[in-house]
Amino acid sequence: MTNAPLQKITIVGGGTAGWMAGASLAKLLRSETCQVTLIESEDIGTVGVGEATIPQILLFNKLLEIDEDDFIKKTQGSFKLGIEFVNWGSLDSSYFHAFGSVGKDMRGVQFYHYWLKMRAQGKAADIDDYTLSSQACLQKKFMRPIDAGNSPLSKVAYAYHFDAGLYAAYLREYAEQRGLIRVEGKVVKTHLRDDGFIRSVELENGDLHEADFFIDCSGFRGLLIEEALKTGYVDWTHWLPCDRAVAVACERTADPIPYTRSTARSAGWQWRIPLQHRTGNGHVYSSKFMSDDEARKILLDNLDGAPISEPKQLRFVTGMRKKFWNKNCLALGLASGFMEPLESTSIHLMQAGLAKFMSFFPNKNCDAADVDEYNRQMTFDFERIRDFLIAHYHVTDRDDTEFWRYCKTMDIPDSLAQKIEQFKANGRVYRQNNEMFSDLSWFELMYGQGIVPRGYHSLVDNIPEDELQERLEGIRSVISQSVDYMPTHQEFIDKNCRAKTM
């Protein structure tokens, strides 16, 4: 049995993707056996107006053994308990896609099925009243989980908001302390071997950097995965028509709220990400239905504070590479594809890509069977997240603009159509192969945007209605008492992880 272990890995591009890759490889590999190098240019900017995440990022931080308070301080971060969606299902509507549990499951059946039955009879309050994260968002409360037995406070699910530029800098320091070598420079040419694998990259100054394996974090261009290897791209614009964004940070005018806000506009949507020192904002829109000037005006007219800098204009094509791993090159971040940040999945896809790569960690041969399986798994992840994003646009009563009429009536993937029809029938959603979003997330989305199922899980009827109503009231009371116990989000930050400058 022979093996040819990787001895040199080169990452092309920095930013969040590059430095997440660099930090994880620096943590898991020994520099004396496999040298990791990252090439980036300070002349190439990043979007970096504020990044929102989902709870899986806690697993990444745990892998790196990062001190959370230190991390929050140095990235001007805040905490996130979910996303508020405003004006999506209809004008003047809102709902939370909240992290963690909703209510308390009973007899093996999700709580929301019991709630659907009682709500239809007018015997249940709003779903937010039974959801710890939603109530904490509404009251601007936050705390980490504590050892409180059966209390909801034992299972507080959360994520982060942070400054993407500061996050990259934080991970850079972490990686360099563990042996990663950073090289300043622009890649201008890629040299291939006779078998089509990448041999080296050439910098603007003429330096050549050879490696056994390359990770492309070069952004939309895909310098290695696309320009050199001609991998190809799957375009999803017909399902996700937004193709541009304008982003700007503004001054902080109030204490940061513990959630991201996504507000639907006439031809897209606007994000709001609260940090300790400022607020990140952006307007994602379709150039087919709105001009750049109009999009910019809508963004600037809907800021909480004065803009800190000139808005950045971005263009993109929603979709994914036909292969995420091609020969001896792995694409991460924008080089692998683009999913608009509607559900804060960008960093998760980087994290998932890295985790799967480590599970298939190659030798110099990059065996085809492993590469094919990696690509199959990443394609599945991208396509299922794609369906969840499409549902935000398609499951709506809005028909007030040409954009929303298009989204409401457009053809959708069969995989999404099946989920919608199943939910309409009895509130069920089948979660295939542990896909990213659970049936609970699908419930929050589809009910929040206006679909009321015709029925509910049949086993719900095994609990008498008077007993069921008593249980719901008990759950609601426990949630209320738990949120009362929590400090405000700002109080928690001030006590544990306030940044030195605000």
Protein backbone atom coordinates (compact mmCIF):
# COMPACT_ATOMS: atom_id res chain seq x y z
CA MET A 1 0.00 0.00 0.00
CA THR A 2 1.42 3.38 -1.05
CA ASN A 3 0.40 6.92 -0.36
CA ALA A 4 1.60 10.30 -1.58
CA PRO A 5 0.58 12.80 1.11
CA LEU A 6 0.10 16.48 0.33
CA GLN A 7 3.14 18.51 1.29
CA LYS A 8 2.10 21.94 0.00
CA ILE A 9 -1.36 23.56 -0.11
CA THR A 10 -1.81 27.03 -1.58
CA ILE A 11 -4.91 29.14 -0.95
CA VAL A 12 -5.52 31.86 -3.55
CA GLY A 13 -7.48 34.76 -2.07
CA GLY A 14 -8.16 35.98 1.44
CA GLY A 15 -11.39 37.39 2.79
CA THR A 16 -13.72 35.25 4.88
CA ALA A 17 -13.39 32.13 2.70
CA GLY A 18 -9.61 32.24 2.40
CA TRP A 19 -8.95 32.81 6.06
CA MET A 20 -11.52 30.27 7.23
CA ALA A 21 -9.68 27.75 5.06
CA GLY A 22 -6.31 28.96 6.29
CA ALA A 23 -7.28 28.85 9.96
CA SER A 24 -8.82 25.39 9.81
CA LEU A 25 -5.91 23.88 7.87
CA ALA A 26 -3.40 25.54 10.18
CA LYS A 27 -5.26 24.02 13.14
CA LEU A 28 -5.60 20.50 11.74
CA LEU A 29 -2.32 20.05 9.82
CA ARG A 30 1.26 20.06 11.06
CA SER A 31 3.27 22.72 9.22
CA GLU A 32 6.38 20.55 9.23
CA THR A 33 4.62 17.90 7.13
CA CYS A 34 2.25 20.04 5.05
CA GLN A 35 2.97 23.73 4.47
CA VAL A 36 -0.08 25.95 3.93
CA THR A 37 0.40 29.24 2.05
CA LEU A 38 -2.21 31.93 1.41
CA ILE A 39 -1.76 34.44 -1.40
CA GLU A 40 -3.79 37.65 -1.31
CA SER A 41 -3.50 41.25 -2.41
CA GLU A 42 -4.38 44.20 -0.22
CA ASP A 43 -5.33 46.02 -3.44
CA ILE A 44 -8.29 43.67 -3.95
CA GLY A 45 -11.14 44.70 -1.67
CA THR A 46 -13.94 42.66 -0.13
CA VAL A 47 -17.62 43.45 0.46
CA GLY A 48 -17.29 43.38 4.26
CA VAL A 49 -20.10 45.61 5.56
CA GLY A 50 -21.31 43.11 8.13
CA GLU A 51 -21.78 39.37 8.13
CA ALA A 52 -24.60 37.32 9.61
CA THR A 53 -24.31 33.64 10.47
CA ILE A 54 -26.32 30.62 11.61
CA PRO A 55 -25.71 28.48 14.74
CA GLN A 56 -23.46 25.96 12.95
CA ILE A 57 -20.63 28.50 13.12
CA LEU A 58 -20.30 27.65 16.82
CA LEU A 59 -19.00 24.25 15.70
CA PHE A 60 -16.30 25.95 13.61
CA ASN A 61 -15.24 28.13 16.53
CA LYS A 62 -15.18 25.06 18.77
CA LEU A 63 -12.92 23.26 16.30
CA LEU A 64 -10.50 26.19 16.38
CA GLU A 65 -10.86 26.43 20.19
CA ILE A 66 -11.64 30.12 19.89
CA ASP A 67 -12.52 32.11 23.01
CA GLU A 68 -15.96 33.47 22.16
CA ASP A 69 -15.74 36.69 24.18
CA ASP A 70 -12.37 37.55 22.64
CA PHE A 71 -13.74 36.76 19.18
CA ILE A 72 -16.79 39.01 19.67
CA LYS A 73 -14.67 41.87 21.00
CA LYS A 74 -12.19 41.78 18.14
CA THR A 75 -14.82 41.55 15.39
CA GLN A 76 -17.15 44.21 16.87
CA GLY A 77 -19.70 41.41 16.96
CA SER A 78 -23.16 40.96 18.38
CA PHE A 79 -25.39 37.93 18.89
CA LYS A 80 -28.14 36.60 16.67
CA LEU A 81 -31.24 34.62 17.64
CA GLY A 82 -32.89 34.54 14.22
CA ILE A 83 -34.06 36.59 11.25
CA GLU A 84 -37.09 38.85 11.05
CA PHE A 85 -38.76 38.86 7.62
CA VAL A 86 -40.79 41.98 6.91
CA ASN A 87 -43.24 42.41 4.00
CA TRP A 88 -42.46 39.04 2.39
CA GLY A 89 -45.75 37.15 2.50
CA SER A 90 -47.70 40.37 2.07
CA LEU A 91 -47.27 44.07 2.68
CA ASP A 92 -47.31 44.99 6.37
CA SER A 93 -46.56 41.41 7.43
CA SER A 94 -43.66 40.07 9.49
CA TYR A 95 -42.49 36.83 11.03
CA PHE A 96 -39.38 35.34 12.62
CA HIS A 97 -37.30 32.47 11.38
CA ALA A 98 -36.06 31.84 14.89
CA PHE A 99 -33.19 29.62 15.98
CA GLY A 100 -33.82 26.73 18.34
CA SER A 101 -37.05 25.02 19.26
CA VAL A 102 -40.65 26.20 19.01
CA GLY A 103 -42.77 25.17 21.98
CA LYS A 104 -42.22 21.65 23.27
CA ASP A 105 -42.73 18.51 21.18
CA MET A 106 -45.21 16.02 22.62
CA ARG A 107 -45.50 12.28 22.06
CA GLY A 108 -43.04 12.35 19.18
CA VAL A 109 -44.94 15.03 17.24
CA GLN A 110 -43.62 18.53 16.56
CA PHE A 111 -45.22 21.19 18.75
CA TYR A 112 -46.38 23.28 15.78
CA HIS A 113 -48.85 20.55 14.72
CA TYR A 114 -50.62 20.89 18.08
CA TRP A 115 -50.47 24.65 17.69
CA LEU A 116 -52.01 24.48 14.18
CA LYS A 117 -55.02 22.61 15.54
CA MET A 118 -55.61 24.97 18.44
CA ARG A 119 -54.88 28.11 16.43
CA ALA A 120 -57.55 27.15 13.88
CA GLN A 121 -60.03 27.12 16.76
CA GLY A 122 -58.87 30.45 18.14
CA LYS A 123 -57.45 28.73 21.24
CA ALA A 124 -53.76 29.52 20.76
CA ALA A 125 -51.74 32.74 20.81
CA ASP A 126 -49.28 33.78 18.09
CA ILE A 127 -46.55 31.22 17.46
CA ASP A 128 -43.96 33.72 18.75
CA ASP A 129 -45.49 33.42 22.24
CA TYR A 130 -44.26 29.82 22.38
CA THR A 131 -40.81 30.49 20.93
CA LEU A 132 -37.98 31.56 23.23
CA SER A 133 -35.83 33.09 20.48
CA SER A 134 -38.72 35.07 18.98
CA GLN A 135 -39.75 36.51 22.34
CA ALA A 136 -36.14 37.36 23.17
CA CYS A 137 -35.82 39.13 19.81
CA LEU A 138 -38.97 41.14 20.41
CA GLN A 139 -37.74 42.17 23.85
CA LYS A 140 -34.09 42.62 22.76
CA LYS A 141 -32.88 40.01 25.25
CA PHE A 142 -29.97 37.59 25.02
CA MET A 143 -27.94 35.11 27.05
CA ARG A 144 -25.94 31.99 26.38
CA PRO A 145 -27.47 28.68 27.48
CA ILE A 146 -27.06 27.82 31.15
CA ASP A 147 -27.43 24.63 33.17
CA ALA A 148 -31.09 25.05 34.04
CA GLY A 149 -32.42 21.52 33.77
CA ASN A 150 -35.54 21.27 31.62
CA SER A 151 -35.81 25.04 31.16
CA PRO A 152 -35.62 26.52 27.63
CA LEU A 153 -32.65 28.52 28.97
CA SER A 154 -30.60 25.32 28.82
CA LYS A 155 -30.91 25.25 25.05
CA VAL A 156 -30.55 28.80 23.77
CA ALA A 157 -29.54 28.53 20.09
CA TYR A 158 -27.63 31.49 18.68
CA ALA A 159 -25.18 32.71 16.08
CA TYR A 160 -23.27 35.93 15.43
CA HIS A 161 -23.13 39.18 13.53
CA PHE A 162 -19.63 40.52 12.92
CA ASP A 163 -17.51 42.78 10.76
CA ALA A 164 -16.34 40.53 7.92
CA GLY A 165 -13.07 42.42 7.48
CA LEU A 166 -12.25 42.14 11.18
CA TYR A 167 -13.20 38.46 11.09
CA ALA A 168 -10.71 37.80 8.28
CA ALA A 169 -8.04 39.68 10.23
CA TYR A 170 -8.84 37.66 13.36
CA LEU A 171 -8.48 34.37 11.50
CA ARG A 172 -5.33 35.58 9.77
CA GLU A 173 -3.63 36.19 13.11
CA TYR A 174 -4.83 32.79 14.32
CA ALA A 175 -3.52 30.99 11.22
CA GLU A 176 -0.14 32.75 11.09
CA GLN A 177 0.49 31.92 14.73
CA ARG A 178 0.12 28.26 13.74
CA GLY A 179 2.52 28.29 10.83
CA LEU A 180 0.55 29.47 7.81
CA ILE A 181 2.60 31.63 5.43
CA ARG A 182 0.89 34.66 3.90
CA VAL A 183 2.18 36.04 0.58
CA GLU A 184 1.22 39.49 -0.66
CA GLY A 185 0.57 39.61 -4.39
CA LYS A 186 -1.84 39.25 -7.30
CA VAL A 187 -2.14 35.99 -9.22
CA VAL A 188 -1.94 36.77 -12.95
CA LYS A 189 -1.46 33.33 -14.48
CA THR A 190 -2.07 29.66 -13.69
CA HIS A 191 0.24 26.95 -15.03
CA LEU A 192 -1.15 23.46 -15.64
CA ARG A 193 0.55 20.08 -15.75
CA ASP A 194 0.21 17.73 -18.72
CA ASP A 195 -2.63 15.89 -16.93
CA GLY A 196 -4.60 19.13 -16.49
CA PHE A 197 -3.84 19.51 -12.78
CA ILE A 198 -2.58 22.88 -11.54
CA ARG A 199 1.20 23.01 -11.23
CA SER A 200 1.68 26.58 -10.02
CA VAL A 201 0.34 30.10 -9.92
CA GLU A 202 2.33 33.10 -11.11
CA LEU A 203 2.23 36.46 -9.36
CA GLU A 204 2.37 39.92 -10.87
CA ASN A 205 6.02 40.21 -9.80
CA GLY A 206 6.93 36.99 -11.65
CA ASP A 207 7.18 34.71 -8.60
CA LEU A 208 5.95 31.14 -9.12
CA HIS A 209 4.22 29.23 -6.33
CA GLU A 210 3.99 25.49 -6.83
CA ALA A 211 1.79 23.25 -4.69
CA ASP A 212 0.24 19.80 -4.55
CA PHE A 213 -3.24 21.21 -3.96
CA PHE A 214 -4.91 24.60 -4.46
CA ILE A 215 -7.93 26.19 -2.80
CA ASP A 216 -9.62 28.89 -4.88
CA CYS A 217 -11.00 31.71 -2.71
CA SER A 218 -10.62 34.35 -5.41
CA GLY A 219 -14.26 35.45 -5.42
CA PHE A 220 -16.71 35.66 -8.32
CA ARG A 221 -13.96 35.36 -10.97
CA GLY A 222 -12.84 31.93 -9.87
CA LEU A 223 -9.26 32.43 -11.04
CA LEU A 224 -8.38 28.76 -10.70
CA ILE A 225 -11.64 26.80 -10.77
CA GLU A 226 -13.06 28.68 -13.76
CA GLU A 227 -10.49 30.76 -15.61
CA ALA A 228 -7.85 28.03 -15.48
CA LEU A 229 -9.83 24.77 -15.25
CA LYS A 230 -12.96 25.84 -17.22
CA THR A 231 -15.22 24.03 -14.77
CA GLY A 232 -18.52 25.61 -15.81
CA TYR A 233 -21.36 27.24 -13.88
CA VAL A 234 -25.03 26.42 -13.24
CA ASP A 235 -27.13 29.60 -13.51
CA TRP A 236 -30.20 29.84 -11.25
CA THR A 237 -31.23 33.38 -12.18
CA HIS A 238 -34.57 32.16 -13.59
CA TRP A 239 -35.52 31.05 -10.06
CA LEU A 240 -33.63 33.66 -8.06
CA PRO A 241 -33.83 36.76 -10.27
CA CYS A 242 -31.91 39.18 -8.05
CA ASP A 243 -28.54 39.79 -9.70
CA ARG A 244 -27.22 42.96 -8.06
CA ALA A 245 -26.72 44.49 -4.66
CA VAL A 246 -25.68 47.83 -3.22
CA ALA A 247 -24.18 47.76 0.28
CA VAL A 248 -23.23 50.40 2.82
CA ALA A 249 -22.51 50.66 6.52
CA CYS A 250 -24.20 53.35 8.60
CA GLU A 251 -23.71 54.86 12.03
CA ARG A 252 -25.10 53.06 15.03
CA THR A 253 -28.11 54.91 16.43
CA ALA A 254 -29.35 52.46 19.07
CA ASP A 255 -28.32 49.33 20.94
CA PRO A 256 -27.87 46.41 18.53
CA ILE A 257 -30.85 44.08 18.27
CA PRO A 258 -30.18 40.32 18.61
CA TYR A 259 -31.42 39.42 15.12
CA THR A 260 -30.95 40.15 11.45
CA ARG A 261 -33.74 41.99 9.64
CA SER A 262 -34.71 41.28 6.03
CA THR A 263 -37.23 43.69 4.54
CA ALA A 264 -38.78 42.94 1.15
CA ARG A 265 -38.72 45.84 -1.29
CA SER A 266 -40.43 46.35 -4.65
CA ALA A 267 -37.85 44.34 -6.62
CA GLY A 268 -35.77 42.58 -3.98
CA TRP A 269 -34.97 43.02 -0.30
CA GLN A 270 -32.84 44.94 2.17
CA TRP A 271 -30.67 43.51 4.93
CA ARG A 272 -29.83 45.06 8.27
CA ILE A 273 -27.02 43.57 10.39
CA PRO A 274 -26.37 45.29 13.75
CA LEU A 275 -22.78 45.39 15.05
CA GLN A 276 -21.32 47.05 18.12
CA HIS A 277 -19.78 49.97 16.23
CA ARG A 278 -22.08 50.33 13.24
CA THR A 279 -24.85 48.71 11.21
CA GLY A 280 -24.36 46.80 7.97
CA ASN A 281 -26.96 47.36 5.25
CA GLY A 282 -27.53 46.19 1.73
CA HIS A 283 -30.20 46.14 -0.96
CA VAL A 284 -30.37 43.01 -3.12
CA TYR A 285 -32.41 43.53 -6.29
CA SER A 286 -33.10 42.45 -9.85
CA SER A 287 -31.68 44.70 -12.57
CA LYS A 288 -34.49 43.48 -14.86
CA PHE A 289 -37.04 45.18 -12.63
CA MET A 290 -35.11 48.07 -11.05
CA SER A 291 -32.35 50.49 -12.04
CA ASP A 292 -29.12 50.87 -10.06
CA ASP A 293 -29.98 54.46 -9.19
CA GLU A 294 -33.40 53.52 -7.83
CA ALA A 295 -31.92 50.65 -5.79
CA ARG A 296 -29.30 52.94 -4.30
CA LYS A 297 -31.92 55.55 -3.39
CA ILE A 298 -34.15 52.96 -1.70
CA LEU A 299 -31.21 51.76 0.39
CA LEU A 300 -30.06 55.22 1.44
CA ASP A 301 -33.62 56.32 2.21
CA ASN A 302 -34.08 53.40 4.59
CA LEU A 303 -31.00 53.59 6.80
CA ASP A 304 -31.21 54.01 10.58
CA GLY A 305 -28.19 56.31 10.66
CA ALA A 306 -25.91 58.36 8.43
CA PRO A 307 -23.90 56.33 5.89
CA ILE A 308 -20.25 55.90 6.84
CA SER A 309 -18.89 55.51 3.31
CA GLU A 310 -19.92 55.41 -0.33
CA PRO A 311 -22.19 52.47 -1.17
CA LYS A 312 -20.53 49.53 -2.92
CA GLN A 313 -22.11 48.16 -6.07
CA LEU A 314 -22.03 44.39 -6.66
CA ARG A 315 -23.06 42.19 -9.56
CA PHE A 316 -23.54 38.45 -9.33
CA VAL A 317 -25.16 35.42 -10.91
CA THR A 318 -26.89 33.15 -8.43
CA GLY A 319 -25.84 29.55 -8.95
CA MET A 320 -22.98 27.13 -8.41
CA ARG A 321 -19.97 25.61 -10.14
CA LYS A 322 -20.61 22.38 -12.00
CA LYS A 323 -17.84 20.97 -9.81
CA PHE A 324 -16.68 22.36 -6.50
CA TRP A 325 -13.61 20.14 -6.55
CA ASN A 326 -11.94 19.78 -9.94
CA LYS A 327 -8.64 17.88 -10.22
CA ASN A 328 -6.37 19.34 -7.50
CA CYS A 329 -8.43 22.49 -6.93
CA LEU A 330 -11.19 23.14 -4.40
CA ALA A 331 -13.44 26.21 -4.73
CA LEU A 332 -14.77 27.93 -1.60
CA GLY A 333 -16.87 31.02 -1.01
CA LEU A 334 -17.87 33.10 -4.02
CA ALA A 335 -15.53 31.07 -6.22
CA SER A 336 -17.77 28.03 -5.61
CA GLY A 337 -21.06 29.77 -6.31
CA PHE A 338 -23.34 32.50 -5.04
CA MET A 339 -26.38 32.20 -2.81
CA GLU A 340 -27.80 35.55 -1.83
CA PRO A 341 -27.49 36.18 1.94
CA LEU A 342 -31.22 35.91 2.60
CA GLU A 343 -30.80 33.13 5.18
CA SER A 344 -27.17 33.84 6.15
CA THR A 345 -25.92 30.60 4.60
CA SER A 346 -22.76 31.92 2.91
CA ILE A 347 -20.37 31.16 5.76
CA HIS A 348 -22.16 27.88 6.46
CA LEU A 349 -21.47 26.71 2.90
CA MET A 350 -17.79 27.60 3.34
CA GLN A 351 -17.77 25.72 6.63
CA ALA A 352 -19.55 22.71 5.11
CA GLY A 353 -17.17 22.71 2.17
CA LEU A 354 -14.16 22.67 4.47
CA ALA A 355 -15.61 19.98 6.75
CA LYS A 356 -16.36 17.69 3.83
CA PHE A 357 -12.93 18.38 2.34
CA MET A 358 -11.26 17.30 5.56
CA SER A 359 -13.33 14.11 5.62
CA PHE A 360 -12.17 13.37 2.06
CA PHE A 361 -8.69 14.84 2.61
CA PRO A 362 -6.75 13.73 -0.47
CA ASN A 363 -3.30 12.58 -1.32
CA LYS A 364 -1.50 13.95 -4.37
CA ASN A 365 -3.56 11.72 -6.68
CA CYS A 366 -6.94 13.25 -5.73
CA ASP A 367 -8.79 9.97 -6.30
CA ALA A 368 -11.79 10.42 -8.58
CA ALA A 369 -14.20 8.42 -6.38
CA ASP A 370 -13.67 10.78 -3.45
CA VAL A 371 -13.81 13.88 -5.64
CA ASP A 372 -17.09 12.75 -7.22
CA GLU A 373 -18.68 12.03 -3.85
CA TYR A 374 -17.58 15.41 -2.48
CA ASN A 375 -19.15 17.15 -5.48
CA ARG A 376 -22.36 15.14 -5.11
CA GLN A 377 -22.71 16.11 -1.46
CA MET A 378 -21.97 19.80 -2.04
CA THR A 379 -24.38 19.91 -4.99
CA PHE A 380 -27.10 18.49 -2.74
CA ASP A 381 -26.38 21.13 -0.07
CA PHE A 382 -26.49 23.97 -2.58
CA GLU A 383 -29.68 22.76 -4.26
CA ARG A 384 -31.60 22.31 -1.02
CA ILE A 385 -30.60 25.76 0.25
CA ARG A 386 -31.53 27.11 -3.19
CA ASP A 387 -35.05 25.70 -2.78
CA PHE A 388 -35.44 27.34 0.64
CA LEU A 389 -34.43 30.70 -0.81
CA ILE A 390 -36.75 30.36 -3.81
CA ALA A 391 -39.65 29.68 -1.44
CA HIS A 392 -39.24 33.15 0.10
CA TYR A 393 -40.00 34.70 -3.27
CA HIS A 394 -42.58 32.22 -4.55
CA VAL A 395 -44.71 31.65 -1.44
CA THR A 396 -46.27 35.08 -1.29
CA ASP A 397 -49.53 36.95 -1.73
CA ARG A 398 -47.69 39.99 -3.07
CA ASP A 399 -48.63 41.09 -6.57
CA ASP A 400 -48.07 44.82 -6.17
CA THR A 401 -45.10 45.00 -8.57
CA GLU A 402 -43.99 43.27 -11.74
CA PHE A 403 -41.15 41.63 -9.81
CA TRP A 404 -43.43 40.01 -7.25
CA ARG A 405 -45.92 38.92 -9.91
CA TYR A 406 -43.07 37.18 -11.70
CA CYS A 407 -41.85 35.46 -8.52
CA LYS A 408 -45.34 34.36 -7.50
CA THR A 409 -46.11 32.72 -10.84
CA MET A 410 -42.71 31.42 -11.97
CA ASP A 411 -41.98 27.73 -12.43
CA ILE A 412 -40.10 26.21 -9.49
CA PRO A 413 -37.95 23.09 -9.03
CA ASP A 414 -39.89 19.84 -8.55
CA SER A 415 -38.14 19.31 -5.21
CA LEU A 416 -39.59 22.59 -3.90
CA ALA A 417 -43.03 22.03 -5.39
CA GLN A 418 -43.24 18.70 -3.55
CA LYS A 419 -42.41 20.36 -0.21
CA ILE A 420 -45.00 23.07 -0.70
CA GLU A 421 -47.78 20.63 -1.63
CA GLN A 422 -46.97 18.34 1.27
CA PHE A 423 -47.02 21.26 3.69
CA LYS A 424 -50.31 22.55 2.31
CA ALA A 425 -51.92 19.18 3.02
CA ASN A 426 -50.98 18.44 6.63
CA GLY A 427 -48.11 20.75 7.62
CA ARG A 428 -45.48 18.10 6.96
CA VAL A 429 -42.10 18.56 5.31
CA TYR A 430 -39.78 15.63 4.71
CA ARG A 431 -36.16 16.37 5.55
CA GLN A 432 -33.99 14.41 3.13
CA ASN A 433 -30.45 13.29 4.04
CA ASN A 434 -30.17 15.78 6.90
CA GLU A 435 -30.50 18.75 4.54
CA MET A 436 -29.69 22.18 5.92
CA PHE A 437 -33.19 23.38 6.85
CA SER A 438 -35.39 21.29 9.12
CA ASP A 439 -39.16 20.82 8.95
CA LEU A 440 -39.42 23.43 11.70
CA SER A 441 -37.61 26.00 9.54
CA TRP A 442 -39.91 25.17 6.65
CA PHE A 443 -42.92 25.65 8.91
CA GLU A 444 -41.70 29.06 10.06
CA LEU A 445 -41.15 30.12 6.45
CA MET A 446 -44.29 28.77 4.82
CA TYR A 447 -46.72 29.61 7.61
CA GLY A 448 -45.01 32.97 8.08
CA GLN A 449 -45.55 33.79 4.42
CA GLY A 450 -49.18 32.82 4.33
CA ILE A 451 -49.67 29.09 3.81
CA VAL A 452 -52.12 27.64 6.34
CA PRO A 453 -52.16 23.83 6.02
CA ARG A 454 -55.51 22.15 5.47
CA GLY A 455 -54.78 19.70 8.26
CA TYR A 456 -52.25 18.64 10.88
CA HIS A 457 -50.56 15.46 12.13
CA SER A 458 -53.28 12.94 12.97
CA LEU A 459 -51.64 11.88 16.25
CA VAL A 460 -52.39 15.35 17.65
CA ASP A 461 -55.96 14.23 18.28
CA ASN A 462 -54.76 11.69 20.85
CA ILE A 463 -54.48 14.49 23.41
CA PRO A 464 -57.87 15.84 24.61
CA GLU A 465 -58.38 19.49 23.71
CA ASP A 466 -58.77 20.73 27.27
CA GLU A 467 -55.52 19.02 28.24
CA LEU A 468 -53.82 20.34 25.12
CA GLN A 469 -54.92 23.91 25.82
CA GLU A 470 -53.59 23.61 29.36
CA ARG A 471 -50.24 22.38 28.04
CA LEU A 472 -50.01 25.26 25.57
CA GLU A 473 -50.69 27.78 28.32
CA GLY A 474 -48.02 26.15 30.46
CA ILE A 475 -45.46 26.35 27.65
CA ARG A 476 -46.34 29.97 26.97
CA SER A 477 -45.90 30.82 30.66
CA VAL A 478 -42.51 29.10 30.84
CA ILE A 479 -41.30 30.97 27.76
CA SER A 480 -42.44 34.29 29.22
CA GLN A 481 -40.71 33.64 32.55
CA SER A 482 -37.51 32.52 30.80
CA VAL A 483 -37.33 35.68 28.71
CA ASP A 484 -37.99 37.80 31.80
CA TYR A 485 -34.88 36.20 33.35
CA MET A 486 -32.64 37.10 30.43
CA PRO A 487 -30.59 40.33 30.39
CA THR A 488 -30.89 42.70 27.48
CA HIS A 489 -28.63 42.04 24.52
CA GLN A 490 -26.64 45.20 25.25
CA GLU A 491 -26.30 44.35 28.95
CA PHE A 492 -24.91 40.95 28.04
CA ILE A 493 -22.39 42.47 25.63
CA ASP A 494 -21.35 45.13 28.14
CA LYS A 495 -20.71 42.52 30.81
CA ASN A 496 -18.93 39.90 28.69
CA CYS A 497 -17.58 41.04 25.34
CA ARG A 498 -17.78 44.76 24.70
CA ALA A 499 -15.32 45.91 22.07
CA LYS A 500 -12.67 48.41 23.16
CA THR A 501 -13.84 51.06 20.71
CA MET A 502 -17.45 51.68 19.74
